[in-house]
N, C-alpha and C. Protein backbone atom coordinates (compact mmCIF):
# COMPACT_ATOMS: atom_id res chain seq x y z
N MET A 1 -52.88 -74.95 -38.51
CA MET A 1 -52.88 -76.40 -37.68
C MET A 1 -54.65 -76.67 -37.99
N SER A 2 -54.44 -78.11 -38.65
CA SER A 2 -55.85 -78.60 -38.83
C SER A 2 -56.33 -79.08 -37.32
N HIS A 3 -57.57 -78.80 -36.82
CA HIS A 3 -58.30 -79.29 -35.52
C HIS A 3 -58.89 -80.91 -35.90
N GLU A 4 -58.84 -81.26 -37.14
CA GLU A 4 -59.55 -82.25 -37.48
C GLU A 4 -58.78 -83.50 -37.14
N PRO A 5 -59.22 -84.61 -36.67
CA PRO A 5 -58.16 -85.82 -36.51
C PRO A 5 -57.96 -86.53 -37.58
N LEU A 6 -56.58 -86.90 -37.78
CA LEU A 6 -56.17 -87.74 -38.82
C LEU A 6 -56.60 -89.18 -38.77
N LEU A 7 -56.78 -89.82 -37.52
CA LEU A 7 -57.55 -91.28 -37.44
C LEU A 7 -58.51 -91.43 -36.32
N THR A 8 -59.50 -91.73 -36.24
CA THR A 8 -60.27 -92.10 -35.10
C THR A 8 -60.85 -93.69 -35.36
N TRP A 9 -61.30 -93.99 -34.31
CA TRP A 9 -62.00 -95.42 -34.18
C TRP A 9 -62.66 -95.43 -32.88
N ARG A 10 -63.21 -96.89 -32.77
CA ARG A 10 -63.85 -96.98 -31.29
C ARG A 10 -63.71 -98.26 -31.12
N SER A 11 -63.31 -98.74 -29.69
CA SER A 11 -63.22 -100.00 -29.45
C SER A 11 -64.01 -100.44 -27.78
N TRP A 12 -65.05 -101.41 -28.04
CA TRP A 12 -65.68 -102.04 -27.22
C TRP A 12 -65.69 -103.31 -26.85
N PRO A 13 -64.67 -104.03 -26.31
CA PRO A 13 -64.36 -105.06 -26.18
C PRO A 13 -65.36 -105.98 -25.50
N PHE A 14 -66.64 -105.55 -24.44
CA PHE A 14 -67.63 -105.98 -24.12
C PHE A 14 -68.56 -106.38 -25.27
N VAL A 15 -68.55 -105.72 -26.25
CA VAL A 15 -69.65 -106.00 -27.32
C VAL A 15 -69.04 -106.70 -28.22
N GLU A 16 -67.74 -106.50 -28.35
CA GLU A 16 -67.22 -107.10 -29.66
C GLU A 16 -66.31 -108.39 -29.60
N ARG A 17 -66.17 -109.02 -28.23
CA ARG A 17 -66.12 -110.21 -27.63
C ARG A 17 -66.91 -110.98 -26.92
N PRO A 18 -68.16 -111.25 -27.32
CA PRO A 18 -69.26 -111.93 -26.81
C PRO A 18 -69.02 -113.04 -25.54
N LEU A 19 -68.02 -114.14 -26.29
CA LEU A 19 -67.90 -115.12 -25.32
C LEU A 19 -66.96 -114.93 -24.18
N THR A 20 -65.92 -113.90 -24.35
CA THR A 20 -65.07 -113.52 -23.56
C THR A 20 -65.77 -112.88 -22.47
N SER A 21 -66.77 -111.99 -22.89
CA SER A 21 -67.53 -110.99 -21.89
C SER A 21 -68.35 -112.06 -21.21
N LEU A 22 -69.13 -113.24 -21.55
CA LEU A 22 -69.78 -113.95 -21.08
C LEU A 22 -68.83 -114.73 -19.91
N VAL A 23 -67.97 -115.14 -20.03
CA VAL A 23 -67.00 -116.03 -19.26
C VAL A 23 -66.31 -114.91 -18.07
N LEU A 24 -66.25 -113.62 -18.58
CA LEU A 24 -65.84 -112.57 -17.46
C LEU A 24 -67.14 -112.50 -16.57
N VAL A 25 -68.23 -111.96 -17.05
CA VAL A 25 -69.33 -111.61 -16.30
C VAL A 25 -69.48 -113.09 -15.34
N SER A 26 -69.55 -114.22 -15.78
CA SER A 26 -69.60 -115.31 -14.92
C SER A 26 -68.41 -115.20 -13.70
N PHE A 27 -67.57 -115.15 -14.05
CA PHE A 27 -66.44 -115.16 -13.22
C PHE A 27 -66.74 -114.06 -12.18
N LEU A 28 -67.03 -112.69 -12.31
CA LEU A 28 -67.24 -111.97 -11.78
C LEU A 28 -68.25 -112.11 -10.61
N ILE A 29 -69.37 -112.86 -11.17
CA ILE A 29 -70.63 -113.08 -10.52
C ILE A 29 -69.68 -114.44 -9.25
N LEU A 30 -69.42 -115.11 -9.76
CA LEU A 30 -68.61 -115.94 -8.80
C LEU A 30 -67.91 -115.63 -7.86
N LEU A 31 -66.68 -114.85 -8.08
CA LEU A 31 -66.12 -113.85 -7.23
C LEU A 31 -66.79 -113.29 -6.27
N ALA A 32 -67.99 -112.70 -6.43
CA ALA A 32 -69.30 -111.72 -6.06
C ALA A 32 -69.39 -112.46 -4.85
N VAL A 33 -69.91 -113.55 -5.03
CA VAL A 33 -70.67 -114.62 -4.22
C VAL A 33 -69.48 -115.15 -3.23
N LEU A 34 -68.37 -115.57 -4.04
CA LEU A 34 -67.40 -115.92 -2.68
C LEU A 34 -66.70 -115.17 -2.00
N LEU A 35 -66.80 -113.89 -2.35
CA LEU A 35 -66.10 -112.72 -1.49
C LEU A 35 -66.98 -112.29 -0.42
N TYR A 36 -68.26 -112.51 -0.74
CA TYR A 36 -69.77 -111.97 -0.20
C TYR A 36 -69.48 -113.06 1.03
N GLN A 37 -69.51 -114.36 0.86
CA GLN A 37 -69.36 -115.37 1.81
C GLN A 37 -68.38 -115.49 2.78
N ILE A 38 -67.20 -115.04 2.38
CA ILE A 38 -66.16 -114.96 2.97
C ILE A 38 -66.06 -113.50 3.96
N THR A 39 -66.14 -112.55 3.06
CA THR A 39 -65.85 -111.19 3.97
C THR A 39 -67.49 -110.84 5.00
N VAL A 40 -68.40 -111.43 4.40
CA VAL A 40 -69.54 -110.75 5.03
C VAL A 40 -70.04 -111.62 5.97
N LEU A 41 -70.50 -113.02 5.66
CA LEU A 41 -70.85 -113.91 6.36
C LEU A 41 -70.11 -114.75 7.48
N SER A 42 -68.62 -114.99 6.66
CA SER A 42 -67.61 -115.56 7.71
C SER A 42 -66.85 -114.28 8.79
N TRP A 43 -66.39 -113.23 8.37
CA TRP A 43 -65.80 -112.53 9.17
C TRP A 43 -66.73 -111.29 9.53
N ALA A 44 -68.06 -110.99 8.96
CA ALA A 44 -68.84 -110.14 9.35
C ALA A 44 -68.07 -108.50 9.05
N GLN A 45 -67.63 -108.64 8.04
CA GLN A 45 -66.71 -107.31 7.62
C GLN A 45 -67.29 -106.69 6.15
N PRO A 46 -68.60 -106.46 6.08
CA PRO A 46 -68.80 -106.07 4.51
C PRO A 46 -68.04 -104.81 4.21
N ILE A 47 -67.20 -104.23 4.76
CA ILE A 47 -66.47 -103.17 3.99
C ILE A 47 -65.29 -103.79 3.18
N TYR A 48 -64.63 -105.08 3.37
CA TYR A 48 -63.86 -105.46 2.63
C TYR A 48 -64.47 -106.04 1.29
N TYR A 49 -65.94 -106.38 1.46
CA TYR A 49 -66.38 -106.80 0.17
C TYR A 49 -66.72 -105.94 -0.45
N VAL A 50 -67.01 -104.74 -0.14
CA VAL A 50 -67.36 -103.48 -1.15
C VAL A 50 -66.06 -103.18 -1.49
N LEU A 51 -64.80 -102.87 -0.56
CA LEU A 51 -63.70 -102.44 -1.13
C LEU A 51 -63.02 -103.55 -2.19
N GLY A 52 -63.13 -104.90 -2.08
CA GLY A 52 -62.92 -105.86 -3.04
C GLY A 52 -63.46 -105.93 -4.21
N MET A 53 -64.72 -105.61 -4.43
CA MET A 53 -65.47 -105.78 -5.46
C MET A 53 -65.29 -104.35 -6.20
N THR A 54 -64.98 -103.20 -5.56
CA THR A 54 -64.92 -101.74 -6.25
C THR A 54 -63.39 -101.93 -6.75
N LEU A 55 -62.61 -102.69 -6.19
CA LEU A 55 -61.32 -102.58 -6.76
C LEU A 55 -61.21 -103.13 -8.22
N VAL A 56 -61.71 -104.78 -8.12
CA VAL A 56 -62.03 -105.50 -9.30
C VAL A 56 -62.71 -104.72 -10.17
N ILE A 57 -63.76 -104.54 -9.99
CA ILE A 57 -64.86 -103.80 -11.23
C ILE A 57 -64.00 -102.36 -11.71
N PHE A 58 -63.22 -101.47 -10.92
CA PHE A 58 -62.65 -100.43 -11.46
C PHE A 58 -61.19 -100.78 -12.32
N ASN A 59 -60.82 -101.68 -12.05
CA ASN A 59 -59.63 -102.12 -12.95
C ASN A 59 -60.10 -102.71 -13.98
N LEU A 60 -61.62 -103.17 -14.06
CA LEU A 60 -62.04 -103.69 -15.59
C LEU A 60 -62.95 -102.64 -16.48
N PHE A 61 -62.97 -101.69 -15.62
CA PHE A 61 -63.92 -100.99 -16.23
C PHE A 61 -63.83 -100.37 -17.74
N PRO A 62 -62.58 -100.42 -18.25
CA PRO A 62 -62.52 -99.85 -19.61
C PRO A 62 -62.80 -101.06 -20.70
N TYR A 63 -62.78 -102.44 -20.19
CA TYR A 63 -63.68 -103.26 -20.95
C TYR A 63 -64.62 -103.33 -20.78
N PHE A 64 -65.38 -102.81 -20.41
CA PHE A 64 -67.05 -102.76 -20.15
C PHE A 64 -67.51 -101.33 -21.02
N ILE A 65 -67.15 -100.45 -20.73
CA ILE A 65 -67.47 -99.10 -21.90
C ILE A 65 -66.63 -98.94 -23.04
N PRO A 66 -67.25 -98.13 -23.81
CA PRO A 66 -66.58 -97.63 -25.21
C PRO A 66 -65.45 -96.94 -25.20
N THR A 67 -64.50 -97.03 -26.20
CA THR A 67 -63.29 -96.28 -25.91
C THR A 67 -63.12 -95.59 -27.10
N ASP A 68 -63.24 -94.15 -27.24
CA ASP A 68 -62.92 -93.54 -28.37
C ASP A 68 -61.73 -92.91 -28.59
N TYR A 69 -60.92 -93.23 -29.59
CA TYR A 69 -59.65 -92.84 -29.91
C TYR A 69 -59.47 -91.76 -31.32
N PHE A 70 -58.66 -90.74 -30.80
CA PHE A 70 -58.51 -89.44 -32.09
C PHE A 70 -57.13 -89.55 -31.70
N LEU A 71 -56.37 -89.45 -33.32
CA LEU A 71 -54.94 -89.22 -33.42
C LEU A 71 -55.05 -87.86 -34.31
N TYR A 72 -54.36 -86.55 -33.73
CA TYR A 72 -54.02 -85.69 -34.47
C TYR A 72 -52.76 -85.28 -35.08
N GLU A 73 -52.24 -84.13 -35.52
CA GLU A 73 -51.05 -84.04 -36.00
C GLU A 73 -50.19 -83.99 -34.85
N ASP A 74 -50.67 -83.36 -33.65
CA ASP A 74 -49.34 -83.20 -32.34
C ASP A 74 -49.51 -84.05 -31.36
N LYS A 75 -50.89 -84.88 -31.21
CA LYS A 75 -51.35 -85.63 -30.28
C LYS A 75 -52.27 -86.76 -29.98
N TYR A 76 -52.76 -87.15 -29.11
CA TYR A 76 -53.41 -88.30 -29.11
C TYR A 76 -54.64 -87.79 -28.32
N ILE A 77 -55.89 -88.16 -28.47
CA ILE A 77 -56.97 -88.21 -27.30
C ILE A 77 -57.65 -89.57 -27.32
N ILE A 78 -58.03 -90.06 -26.00
CA ILE A 78 -58.50 -90.83 -25.84
C ILE A 78 -59.69 -90.79 -25.17
N ARG A 79 -61.05 -90.73 -25.02
CA ARG A 79 -62.04 -90.35 -24.55
C ARG A 79 -62.66 -91.96 -24.12
N TYR A 80 -62.95 -91.80 -22.55
CA TYR A 80 -63.81 -92.88 -22.24
C TYR A 80 -65.29 -92.60 -21.42
N MET A 81 -65.77 -92.92 -21.03
CA MET A 81 -67.16 -92.61 -20.65
C MET A 81 -67.24 -91.01 -19.91
N PHE A 82 -66.30 -91.41 -19.01
CA PHE A 82 -66.34 -90.20 -18.09
C PHE A 82 -64.86 -89.60 -17.71
N LEU A 83 -64.10 -89.60 -18.82
CA LEU A 83 -62.49 -89.34 -18.65
C LEU A 83 -62.03 -89.12 -20.19
N LYS A 84 -61.01 -88.07 -20.55
CA LYS A 84 -60.55 -87.55 -21.48
C LYS A 84 -58.87 -87.68 -21.31
N VAL A 85 -58.20 -88.64 -21.99
CA VAL A 85 -56.55 -88.76 -21.84
C VAL A 85 -56.50 -88.03 -23.19
N SER A 86 -55.25 -86.89 -22.90
CA SER A 86 -54.45 -86.30 -24.25
C SER A 86 -53.12 -86.43 -23.84
N ARG A 87 -52.27 -86.82 -24.64
CA ARG A 87 -50.58 -86.80 -24.52
C ARG A 87 -50.23 -86.16 -26.17
N PRO A 88 -48.96 -85.34 -25.73
CA PRO A 88 -48.60 -85.26 -27.40
C PRO A 88 -47.80 -86.60 -27.72
N TYR A 89 -47.16 -86.84 -29.11
CA TYR A 89 -46.33 -87.91 -29.52
C TYR A 89 -44.94 -87.67 -28.78
N SER A 90 -44.43 -86.52 -28.35
CA SER A 90 -43.02 -86.36 -28.01
C SER A 90 -42.83 -86.99 -26.73
N ASP A 91 -43.98 -87.08 -25.99
CA ASP A 91 -43.94 -87.86 -24.68
C ASP A 91 -43.15 -89.55 -24.91
N PHE A 92 -43.39 -89.99 -26.20
CA PHE A 92 -43.06 -91.30 -26.32
C PHE A 92 -42.12 -91.39 -27.10
N GLY A 93 -40.98 -92.75 -26.86
CA GLY A 93 -40.05 -92.98 -27.45
C GLY A 93 -39.82 -94.06 -28.43
N CYS A 94 -40.83 -94.91 -28.09
CA CYS A 94 -41.14 -96.34 -29.11
C CYS A 94 -42.38 -96.65 -29.09
N PHE A 95 -42.80 -97.57 -29.84
CA PHE A 95 -44.10 -98.44 -29.84
C PHE A 95 -44.12 -99.71 -30.50
N TYR A 96 -45.05 -100.41 -29.70
CA TYR A 96 -44.69 -102.04 -30.10
C TYR A 96 -46.24 -102.46 -30.01
N GLN A 97 -46.34 -103.46 -30.79
CA GLN A 97 -47.70 -104.15 -31.27
C GLN A 97 -47.92 -105.59 -30.27
N ASP A 98 -49.03 -105.65 -29.90
CA ASP A 98 -49.27 -107.18 -29.42
C ASP A 98 -50.49 -107.46 -30.16
N LYS A 99 -51.12 -108.54 -29.90
CA LYS A 99 -52.53 -108.92 -30.33
C LYS A 99 -53.47 -108.14 -30.19
N ARG A 100 -53.95 -107.38 -29.32
CA ARG A 100 -54.85 -106.81 -28.96
C ARG A 100 -54.87 -105.06 -29.24
N GLY A 101 -53.74 -104.59 -29.48
CA GLY A 101 -53.34 -103.45 -29.86
C GLY A 101 -52.00 -102.87 -29.96
N ILE A 102 -51.55 -101.53 -29.75
CA ILE A 102 -50.32 -100.80 -29.73
C ILE A 102 -49.85 -100.29 -28.40
N THR A 103 -48.91 -100.53 -27.96
CA THR A 103 -48.38 -99.85 -26.78
C THR A 103 -47.30 -98.52 -26.90
N LEU A 104 -47.74 -97.47 -26.64
CA LEU A 104 -46.65 -96.74 -26.69
C LEU A 104 -45.77 -96.49 -25.26
N SER A 105 -44.48 -96.39 -25.49
CA SER A 105 -43.55 -96.35 -24.50
C SER A 105 -43.15 -95.24 -24.25
N THR A 106 -42.86 -94.45 -22.96
CA THR A 106 -41.86 -93.25 -22.65
C THR A 106 -40.40 -93.48 -22.77
N PHE A 107 -40.34 -94.85 -22.94
CA PHE A 107 -38.87 -94.99 -23.14
C PHE A 107 -38.07 -95.44 -24.46
N LYS A 108 -37.09 -95.24 -24.77
CA LYS A 108 -36.46 -95.34 -26.38
C LYS A 108 -36.45 -97.11 -26.94
N MET A 109 -36.80 -97.74 -25.43
CA MET A 109 -36.86 -99.28 -25.70
C MET A 109 -38.01 -100.01 -25.11
N PRO A 110 -38.56 -101.13 -25.29
CA PRO A 110 -39.88 -101.59 -24.45
C PRO A 110 -39.31 -101.88 -23.14
N ARG A 111 -40.07 -101.39 -21.86
CA ARG A 111 -39.77 -101.89 -20.68
C ARG A 111 -41.17 -102.17 -20.14
N ARG A 112 -40.79 -102.86 -18.73
CA ARG A 112 -41.72 -103.10 -18.18
C ARG A 112 -42.59 -102.36 -17.55
N LEU A 113 -42.16 -101.01 -17.13
CA LEU A 113 -42.91 -99.97 -16.75
C LEU A 113 -44.03 -99.46 -17.61
N ASP A 114 -43.90 -99.75 -18.99
CA ASP A 114 -44.93 -99.39 -19.59
C ASP A 114 -46.39 -99.71 -19.54
N THR A 115 -46.55 -100.54 -19.07
CA THR A 115 -48.02 -100.78 -18.40
C THR A 115 -48.43 -99.48 -17.55
N PHE A 116 -47.58 -99.02 -16.61
CA PHE A 116 -47.89 -97.67 -15.77
C PHE A 116 -47.61 -96.34 -16.52
N ARG A 117 -46.61 -96.53 -17.43
CA ARG A 117 -46.15 -95.16 -17.71
C ARG A 117 -46.53 -94.63 -18.94
N GLY A 118 -46.62 -95.70 -19.89
CA GLY A 118 -47.04 -95.75 -21.28
C GLY A 118 -48.59 -95.49 -21.60
N GLN A 119 -48.75 -95.60 -22.85
CA GLN A 119 -50.40 -95.67 -23.08
C GLN A 119 -50.64 -96.86 -23.82
N SER A 120 -51.82 -97.34 -23.92
CA SER A 120 -52.25 -98.48 -24.55
C SER A 120 -53.35 -97.99 -25.79
N LEU A 121 -53.36 -98.40 -26.86
CA LEU A 121 -54.36 -98.03 -27.93
C LEU A 121 -54.66 -99.39 -28.36
N ARG A 122 -55.87 -99.71 -27.91
CA ARG A 122 -56.63 -101.07 -28.47
C ARG A 122 -57.32 -101.20 -29.74
N PHE A 123 -56.99 -101.83 -30.50
CA PHE A 123 -57.60 -102.01 -31.98
C PHE A 123 -59.13 -102.34 -31.87
N SER A 124 -60.03 -102.03 -32.66
CA SER A 124 -61.16 -102.27 -32.79
C SER A 124 -61.42 -103.80 -33.25
N HIS A 125 -62.81 -104.23 -33.21
CA HIS A 125 -62.82 -105.56 -33.79
C HIS A 125 -62.32 -105.83 -34.79
N HIS A 126 -62.76 -104.97 -35.85
CA HIS A 126 -62.11 -105.19 -37.22
C HIS A 126 -60.85 -105.01 -37.80
N ARG A 127 -60.38 -104.20 -36.87
CA ARG A 127 -58.91 -103.71 -36.95
C ARG A 127 -58.84 -102.78 -38.18
N ASP A 128 -59.54 -101.87 -38.69
CA ASP A 128 -59.75 -101.43 -39.77
C ASP A 128 -58.74 -100.25 -39.70
N GLU A 129 -58.57 -99.80 -38.64
CA GLU A 129 -57.50 -98.55 -38.49
C GLU A 129 -56.18 -98.91 -38.18
N GLU A 130 -55.76 -100.28 -38.39
CA GLU A 130 -54.48 -100.75 -37.97
C GLU A 130 -53.52 -100.05 -38.94
N PRO A 131 -53.44 -100.55 -40.14
CA PRO A 131 -52.44 -100.00 -41.07
C PRO A 131 -52.16 -98.39 -41.16
N GLU A 132 -53.15 -97.71 -41.25
CA GLU A 132 -53.14 -96.35 -40.82
C GLU A 132 -52.38 -95.73 -39.56
N LEU A 133 -52.84 -96.71 -38.48
CA LEU A 133 -52.48 -96.11 -37.15
C LEU A 133 -50.42 -96.43 -37.00
N LEU A 134 -50.24 -97.64 -37.77
CA LEU A 134 -49.11 -97.90 -37.64
C LEU A 134 -48.12 -97.02 -38.77
N ARG A 135 -48.58 -96.49 -39.73
CA ARG A 135 -48.19 -95.57 -40.38
C ARG A 135 -48.04 -94.36 -39.52
N LEU A 136 -48.89 -93.89 -39.31
CA LEU A 136 -48.99 -92.31 -38.24
C LEU A 136 -48.04 -92.61 -37.19
N LEU A 137 -48.10 -93.69 -36.54
CA LEU A 137 -46.97 -93.58 -35.22
C LEU A 137 -45.72 -93.82 -35.62
N ALA A 138 -45.48 -94.63 -36.90
CA ALA A 138 -43.88 -94.50 -37.18
C ALA A 138 -43.56 -93.02 -37.97
N GLU A 139 -44.42 -92.13 -38.18
CA GLU A 139 -44.04 -91.05 -38.71
C GLU A 139 -44.06 -90.10 -37.36
N LYS A 140 -44.81 -90.46 -36.56
CA LYS A 140 -44.85 -89.31 -35.44
C LYS A 140 -43.60 -89.69 -34.35
N ILE A 141 -43.67 -91.23 -34.10
CA ILE A 141 -42.62 -91.60 -32.74
C ILE A 141 -41.69 -92.04 -33.46
N GLY A 142 -41.47 -92.97 -34.30
CA GLY A 142 -40.26 -93.48 -35.31
C GLY A 142 -39.94 -94.79 -34.91
N LYS A 143 -39.55 -95.15 -33.43
CA LYS A 143 -38.70 -96.34 -33.42
C LYS A 143 -40.36 -97.68 -33.10
N LYS A 144 -40.07 -98.68 -33.74
CA LYS A 144 -41.20 -99.64 -33.71
C LYS A 144 -40.40 -101.01 -33.34
N TYR A 145 -40.87 -101.53 -32.33
CA TYR A 145 -40.23 -102.83 -31.95
C TYR A 145 -41.42 -103.81 -32.43
């Protein structure tokens, strides 16, 4: 069995989409100011400010850091800055594409739970990996919607 990946790429939306990133950072600054005024100045409860901003930043964290994707013969590995996710293709019943990437579904047909149970593979800026990725997933998982 080969330990070399069949396909690799990197996605970093913060750098790849500068206009969207500028709008997002502006929104986060505005949100931080408004949340500070409400929770700290009005309510005198700074814990809500810390909790609220932590939740927002934590949910957006994958947007700000580079993500490396490695597809092997029997599994994929996604490496974030501090985290590594690995699952075999056999965990998934189908996959489908949207404008930013591909979602692997644990069900035989797309479901609303895919956001929580499935896995999203985000394309790089130039989408060079897209044809090979689609071919590889069709071979490994089979069902495409």
